[in-house]
N, C-alpha and C. Protein backbone atom coordinates (compact mmCIF):
# COMPACT_ATOMS: atom_id res chain seq x y z
N MET A 1 -0.18 -3.93 0.67
CA MET A 1 0.16 -3.69 2.31
C MET A 1 0.14 -2.75 2.78
N ILE A 2 -0.15 -2.79 4.21
CA ILE A 2 -0.22 -0.90 4.56
C ILE A 2 0.73 -0.87 5.22
N ASP A 3 1.20 0.27 5.11
CA ASP A 3 2.25 0.91 5.63
C ASP A 3 2.73 2.09 6.48
N THR A 4 2.52 2.31 7.56
CA THR A 4 2.41 3.87 8.38
C THR A 4 3.79 4.03 8.32
N GLY A 5 5.21 3.76 7.84
CA GLY A 5 5.77 4.82 7.52
C GLY A 5 5.71 4.67 6.35
N SER A 6 4.87 5.03 5.51
CA SER A 6 4.63 5.28 4.14
C SER A 6 3.78 6.77 4.03
N ALA A 7 3.60 7.61 3.70
CA ALA A 7 3.29 9.07 3.46
C ALA A 7 2.41 8.88 2.46
N LYS A 8 2.59 8.62 1.71
CA LYS A 8 2.03 7.98 0.27
C LYS A 8 1.53 6.54 -0.06
N SER A 9 0.72 7.16 -0.76
CA SER A 9 -0.04 4.71 -1.29
C SER A 9 0.60 5.18 -2.48
N ILE A 10 0.94 4.00 -2.83
CA ILE A 10 1.66 3.84 -4.52
C ILE A 10 1.22 2.29 -4.84
N ILE A 11 1.45 2.17 -5.75
CA ILE A 11 0.69 0.83 -6.40
C ILE A 11 1.50 1.22 -7.61
N HIS A 12 1.93 -0.27 -7.79
CA HIS A 12 2.95 -0.80 -9.04
C HIS A 12 2.31 -0.77 -10.12
N ILE A 13 2.67 -0.41 -11.58
CA ILE A 13 2.13 -0.32 -12.63
C ILE A 13 1.92 -1.64 -13.26
N ASN A 14 2.02 -2.87 -13.08
CA ASN A 14 1.50 -3.82 -13.93
C ASN A 14 0.92 -4.53 -12.33
N THR A 15 0.83 -4.18 -11.39
CA THR A 15 -0.90 -4.39 -10.15
C THR A 15 -2.06 -3.43 -10.96
N LEU A 16 -1.71 -2.74 -11.39
CA LEU A 16 -2.66 -1.32 -11.93
C LEU A 16 -2.96 -1.83 -13.46
N TYR A 17 -2.46 -2.79 -14.55
CA TYR A 17 -2.47 -3.56 -15.35
C TYR A 17 -3.24 -4.67 -15.13
N LYS A 18 -3.58 -5.32 -14.39
CA LYS A 18 -3.92 -6.61 -14.32
C LYS A 18 -5.88 -5.81 -13.54
N LEU A 19 -5.90 -4.93 -12.78
CA LEU A 19 -7.52 -4.99 -12.50
C LEU A 19 -8.27 -4.87 -14.39
N ILE A 20 -9.41 -4.84 -13.30
CA ILE A 20 -10.75 -5.47 -14.35
C ILE A 20 -10.87 -4.22 -15.42
N HIS A 21 -11.06 -3.17 -13.86
CA HIS A 21 -11.72 -1.75 -14.65
C HIS A 21 -10.14 -0.90 -14.30
N ARG A 22 -9.72 -0.96 -15.17
CA ARG A 22 -8.28 0.26 -14.97
C ARG A 22 -8.91 1.44 -14.68
N PRO A 23 -8.12 2.17 -13.92
CA PRO A 23 -8.60 3.62 -13.77
C PRO A 23 -7.44 4.43 -14.79
N TYR A 24 -7.84 5.45 -14.91
CA TYR A 24 -6.86 6.27 -16.00
C TYR A 24 -5.63 7.16 -15.12
N ILE A 25 -4.62 6.89 -15.56
CA ILE A 25 -3.49 7.45 -15.01
C ILE A 25 -3.50 9.40 -15.74
N ASN A 26 -3.00 9.64 -14.90
CA ASN A 26 -2.82 10.98 -14.47
C ASN A 26 -1.50 11.63 -14.89
N TYR A 27 -0.50 11.68 -16.29
CA TYR A 27 0.43 11.03 -15.97
C TYR A 27 1.36 12.47 -15.36
N GLN A 28 2.84 12.51 -14.63
CA GLN A 28 3.35 13.47 -14.36
C GLN A 28 4.66 13.13 -13.04
N ASN A 29 5.88 13.46 -14.10
CA ASN A 29 6.81 11.91 -13.28
C ASN A 29 7.31 12.91 -12.18
N ARG A 30 7.68 11.98 -10.80
CA ARG A 30 7.78 12.73 -9.92
C ARG A 30 9.14 12.00 -8.99
N LEU A 31 9.70 12.46 -8.16
CA LEU A 31 10.79 11.54 -7.12
C LEU A 31 10.27 12.16 -5.53
N HIS A 32 10.47 11.19 -5.22
CA HIS A 32 10.27 10.91 -3.61
C HIS A 32 11.58 10.48 -2.73
N SER A 33 11.90 11.06 -1.55
CA SER A 33 12.46 9.98 -1.24
C SER A 33 12.04 9.72 -0.08
N THR A 34 12.72 7.84 0.18
CA THR A 34 11.96 6.96 0.78
C THR A 34 12.95 7.37 2.61
N ALA A 35 12.00 6.40 3.21
CA ALA A 35 12.74 6.01 4.78
C ALA A 35 14.41 6.36 4.95
N ASN A 36 14.94 5.66 3.84
CA ASN A 36 16.20 5.13 3.92
C ASN A 36 17.08 6.09 3.03
N ASN A 37 16.41 7.26 2.90
CA ASN A 37 17.62 8.05 1.71
C ASN A 37 17.51 7.92 0.33
N GLY A 38 17.01 6.66 0.00
CA GLY A 38 16.76 6.17 -1.55
C GLY A 38 15.73 6.99 -2.33
N GLU A 39 15.57 6.81 -3.37
CA GLU A 39 15.01 7.88 -4.63
C GLU A 39 13.55 6.60 -4.84
N LEU A 40 12.28 7.30 -4.81
CA LEU A 40 11.60 6.37 -5.17
C LEU A 40 10.87 7.42 -6.79
N ARG A 41 10.96 7.11 -8.01
CA ARG A 41 10.56 7.69 -8.98
C ARG A 41 8.92 7.64 -9.25
N THR A 42 7.70 7.97 -9.65
CA THR A 42 6.42 7.38 -10.16
C THR A 42 6.09 8.17 -10.89
N ILE A 43 5.17 7.78 -11.87
CA ILE A 43 5.07 8.19 -13.32
C ILE A 43 3.52 8.76 -13.47
N GLY A 44 3.26 8.67 -12.39
CA GLY A 44 1.80 9.40 -12.45
C GLY A 44 0.85 9.01 -11.39
N SER A 45 -0.16 9.30 -10.99
CA SER A 45 -0.81 9.16 -10.16
C SER A 45 -2.16 9.00 -10.15
N VAL A 46 -3.59 7.99 -9.72
CA VAL A 46 -4.47 7.28 -10.06
C VAL A 46 -5.97 7.36 -8.47
N ASN A 47 -6.71 7.63 -9.45
CA ASN A 47 -7.74 7.47 -8.05
C ASN A 47 -8.37 6.11 -7.40
N LEU A 48 -8.10 5.63 -6.78
CA LEU A 48 -8.09 3.83 -6.72
C LEU A 48 -9.62 3.79 -5.46
N ARG A 49 -10.44 2.43 -5.43
CA ARG A 49 -10.98 2.20 -4.68
C ARG A 49 -10.97 0.77 -4.23
N ILE A 50 -10.49 0.61 -2.59
CA ILE A 50 -10.06 -0.13 -1.83
C ILE A 50 -11.57 -0.78 -1.19
N ARG A 51 -11.15 -2.18 -1.64
CA ARG A 51 -12.79 -2.51 -0.67
C ARG A 51 -12.24 -3.46 0.58
N LEU A 52 -13.64 -2.88 1.65
CA LEU A 52 -12.46 -3.69 3.30
C LEU A 52 -14.06 -4.31 3.10
N LYS A 53 -13.88 -5.86 2.91
CA LYS A 53 -15.71 -6.25 2.71
C LYS A 53 -16.45 -5.60 1.84
N ASN A 54 -17.67 -5.36 3.08
CA ASN A 54 -18.65 -4.36 2.54
C ASN A 54 -18.16 -2.95 2.02
N ILE A 55 -17.33 -2.00 2.50
CA ILE A 55 -17.25 -0.90 2.69
C ILE A 55 -16.13 -0.50 2.11
N LEU A 56 -16.29 0.71 1.09
CA LEU A 56 -15.39 0.93 -0.37
C LEU A 56 -15.29 2.37 0.82
N THR A 57 -13.06 2.05 0.42
CA THR A 57 -12.23 3.34 1.14
C THR A 57 -11.89 3.83 -0.40
N PHE A 58 -11.22 5.16 -0.54
CA PHE A 58 -10.86 5.60 -1.55
C PHE A 58 -9.88 6.57 -1.45
N ILE A 59 -8.32 6.67 -2.46
CA ILE A 59 -7.16 7.21 -2.44
C ILE A 59 -6.48 7.95 -3.75
N LEU A 60 -6.18 7.81 -3.93
CA LEU A 60 -5.34 8.97 -4.83
C LEU A 60 -3.84 8.62 -4.72
N ALA A 61 -3.42 7.48 -5.38
CA ALA A 61 -2.18 7.07 -5.46
C ALA A 61 -1.50 6.96 -6.80
N GLU A 62 0.02 7.51 -5.95
CA GLU A 62 0.76 7.22 -6.80
C GLU A 62 1.30 6.16 -7.57
N VAL A 63 1.98 6.14 -8.96
CA VAL A 63 1.70 4.95 -10.06
C VAL A 63 3.52 5.24 -9.99
N ALA A 64 3.98 3.72 -9.50
CA ALA A 64 5.49 3.59 -9.84
C ALA A 64 5.47 2.12 -10.89
N ILE A 65 7.57 2.23 -11.26
CA ILE A 65 7.66 0.96 -12.00
C ILE A 65 8.29 0.25 -11.23
N ASP A 66 8.89 0.50 -9.85
CA ASP A 66 10.05 -0.04 -9.13
C ASP A 66 9.76 0.02 -8.00
N LEU A 67 8.66 -0.77 -7.50
CA LEU A 67 8.39 -0.70 -6.36
C LEU A 67 8.36 -2.50 -5.69
N CYS A 68 8.60 -2.77 -4.31
CA CYS A 68 9.37 -4.58 -4.18
C CYS A 68 7.76 -4.19 -3.87
N THR A 69 6.17 -4.19 -4.10
CA THR A 69 5.09 -4.45 -3.66
C THR A 69 4.50 -4.47 -4.46
N GLY A 70 3.21 -4.88 -4.86
CA GLY A 70 1.91 -4.43 -5.84
C GLY A 70 1.70 -3.03 -4.99
N LEU A 71 1.00 -2.84 -3.93
CA LEU A 71 0.28 -1.62 -3.31
C LEU A 71 1.20 -1.50 -2.35
N VAL A 72 0.73 -0.26 -2.03
CA VAL A 72 1.21 0.20 -0.27
C VAL A 72 0.38 0.78 -0.15
N LEU A 73 -0.43 0.88 0.67
CA LEU A 73 -1.37 1.67 1.77
C LEU A 73 -0.57 2.81 2.44
N GLY A 74 -0.36 4.22 2.17
CA GLY A 74 0.26 4.80 3.32
C GLY A 74 -0.59 5.40 4.38
N ASN A 75 0.26 6.42 4.84
CA ASN A 75 -0.73 7.20 6.44
C ASN A 75 -2.00 7.78 5.60
N ASP A 76 -1.59 8.19 4.13
CA ASP A 76 -2.82 9.39 3.23
C ASP A 76 -4.37 8.13 3.28
N TRP A 77 -3.67 6.98 3.46
CA TRP A 77 -5.15 5.71 3.26
C TRP A 77 -5.84 5.95 4.83
N ILE A 78 -4.90 6.11 5.64
CA ILE A 78 -5.15 5.25 6.54
C ILE A 78 -6.21 6.44 7.30
N SER A 79 -5.32 7.96 7.25
CA SER A 79 -5.91 9.10 7.68
C SER A 79 -7.41 9.21 6.91
N LYS A 80 -7.27 9.13 5.91
CA LYS A 80 -8.29 10.01 4.86
C LYS A 80 -9.84 8.81 5.40
N ASN A 81 -9.15 7.41 4.97
CA ASN A 81 -10.42 7.02 5.38
C ASN A 81 -10.47 5.96 6.38
N GLU A 82 -10.01 7.15 7.72
CA GLU A 82 -10.14 6.42 9.18
C GLU A 82 -10.09 5.34 9.46
N ILE A 83 -8.90 4.79 9.25
CA ILE A 83 -8.95 3.53 9.50
C ILE A 83 -8.22 3.39 10.91
N ASP A 84 -8.55 2.48 11.45
CA ASP A 84 -8.02 1.76 13.32
C ASP A 84 -6.96 0.66 12.94
N ILE A 85 -5.45 1.22 13.17
CA ILE A 85 -5.06 -0.86 13.20
C ILE A 85 -5.00 -0.63 14.74
N ILE A 86 -5.28 -1.97 15.02
CA ILE A 86 -5.37 -2.66 16.49
C ILE A 86 -4.30 -3.77 16.93
N THR A 87 -2.78 -3.06 17.15
CA THR A 87 -1.80 -3.92 17.21
C THR A 87 -1.83 -5.68 17.90
N THR A 88 -2.82 -4.87 18.89
CA THR A 88 -3.22 -6.02 20.19
C THR A 88 -3.98 -6.97 19.93
N GLN A 89 -4.86 -6.93 18.95
CA GLN A 89 -5.55 -7.73 18.00
C GLN A 89 -5.62 -8.28 16.52
N LYS A 90 -4.36 -7.69 16.11
CA LYS A 90 -3.55 -7.78 14.73
C LYS A 90 -4.76 -7.89 13.58
N CYS A 91 -5.33 -6.48 13.48
CA CYS A 91 -6.19 -6.42 12.98
C CYS A 91 -6.47 -4.72 11.98
N ILE A 92 -6.68 -4.83 11.30
CA ILE A 92 -7.02 -3.47 11.11
C ILE A 92 -8.93 -3.45 10.87
N ARG A 93 -9.54 -1.82 11.55
CA ARG A 93 -10.96 -1.77 11.54
C ARG A 93 -11.15 -0.52 10.74
N LYS A 94 -13.00 -0.44 9.99
CA LYS A 94 -13.54 0.23 9.31
C LYS A 94 -14.84 0.43 9.74
N ARG A 95 -14.95 1.52 10.37
CA ARG A 95 -15.85 1.87 10.53
C ARG A 95 -16.77 3.01 9.77
N ARG A 96 -18.21 2.35 9.00
CA ARG A 96 -19.61 2.77 8.42
C ARG A 96 -20.86 3.09 8.63
N GLY A 97 -21.12 4.28 9.45
CA GLY A 97 -22.70 3.64 10.27
C GLY A 97 -22.65 2.82 11.37
N SER A 98 -23.28 1.74 11.20
CA SER A 98 -23.07 0.72 12.74
C SER A 98 -22.42 -0.29 12.03
N TYR A 99 -22.26 -0.63 10.80
CA TYR A 99 -20.94 -1.67 10.13
C TYR A 99 -19.98 -1.43 10.75
N VAL A 100 -19.43 -2.12 11.15
CA VAL A 100 -18.06 -2.78 11.13
C VAL A 100 -17.51 -3.56 9.97
N ALA A 101 -16.29 -3.57 9.54
CA ALA A 101 -15.34 -4.60 8.76
C ALA A 101 -14.58 -4.56 9.29
N THR A 102 -13.34 -5.80 9.95
CA THR A 102 -12.96 -5.80 10.55
C THR A 102 -11.61 -7.14 9.62
N ILE A 103 -10.38 -6.76 9.29
CA ILE A 103 -9.44 -7.11 8.77
C ILE A 103 -8.16 -8.12 9.06
N PRO A 104 -7.98 -9.50 9.52
CA PRO A 104 -6.54 -9.57 10.01
C PRO A 104 -5.41 -9.68 9.49
N PHE A 105 -4.76 -8.90 10.36
CA PHE A 105 -3.51 -9.13 9.84
C PHE A 105 -2.87 -10.77 8.87
N SER A 106 -2.19 -10.54 7.80
CA SER A 106 -2.06 -11.75 7.23
C SER A 106 -0.15 -11.64 7.30
N ASN A 107 -0.13 -13.17 7.55
CA ASN A 107 1.45 -13.72 8.25
C ASN A 107 1.76 -14.35 7.02
N TYR A 108 3.12 -14.07 6.50
CA TYR A 108 3.82 -13.82 5.30
C TYR A 108 5.02 -14.44 6.32
N TYR A 109 4.99 -15.91 5.81
CA TYR A 109 6.61 -16.26 6.08
C TYR A 109 7.60 -17.00 5.15
N GLN A 110 8.72 -16.08 5.47
CA GLN A 110 9.41 -16.45 4.05
C GLN A 110 10.54 -17.16 4.36
N GLU A 111 11.23 -17.70 3.15
CA GLU A 111 11.90 -18.71 3.79
C GLU A 111 13.49 -18.44 4.12
N ALA A 112 14.23 -18.97 5.16
CA ALA A 112 15.41 -18.54 5.80
C ALA A 112 16.51 -19.54 4.80
N TYR A 113 17.68 -18.78 4.66
CA TYR A 113 18.44 -19.02 4.25
C TYR A 113 19.62 -18.87 4.74
N PRO A 114 20.97 -19.32 5.36
CA PRO A 114 22.00 -19.11 6.55
C PRO A 114 23.03 -18.21 5.17
N VAL A 115 23.13 -17.38 6.25
CA VAL A 115 23.53 -16.42 4.83
C VAL A 115 26.02 -16.44 6.08
N TYR A 116 26.95 -16.85 4.97
CA TYR A 116 28.25 -16.52 5.92
C TYR A 116 29.01 -15.71 5.26
N PRO A 117 30.12 -15.44 5.78
CA PRO A 117 30.94 -14.40 5.36
C PRO A 117 31.74 -14.93 4.37
N ILE A 118 32.01 -14.48 3.65
CA ILE A 118 33.57 -15.16 2.89
C ILE A 118 35.16 -14.27 3.08
N TYR A 119 35.79 -15.19 3.89
CA TYR A 119 37.24 -14.63 3.85
C TYR A 119 38.22 -14.90 2.66
N SER A 120 38.70 -14.08 1.81
CA SER A 120 39.81 -14.65 0.98
C SER A 120 41.22 -14.52 1.82
């Protein structure tokens, strides 16, 4: 998931364990503040290679045990790798020389359940 509201890129430890070529974890406990004033604890950092079609990008990502998704690519990844987010076309774009990789946004539909207040 690309998150423009996240300053840092973070990978869940279980996602890291699923990688074929698992990068080395530089263990160092850290505490981060979230946008809603919560806390996110990380146990270290890893160097990740993220492939966008045929273009490799790189980032130093924090490793978390409690994360709501497998991978968050934050503004550090967006800036360092010069990723263009084109909201009008609903895609991201990365240029490398004359080659351009364009990846469309994914749509995830969640099931909606009605919620009713309970009065006692």
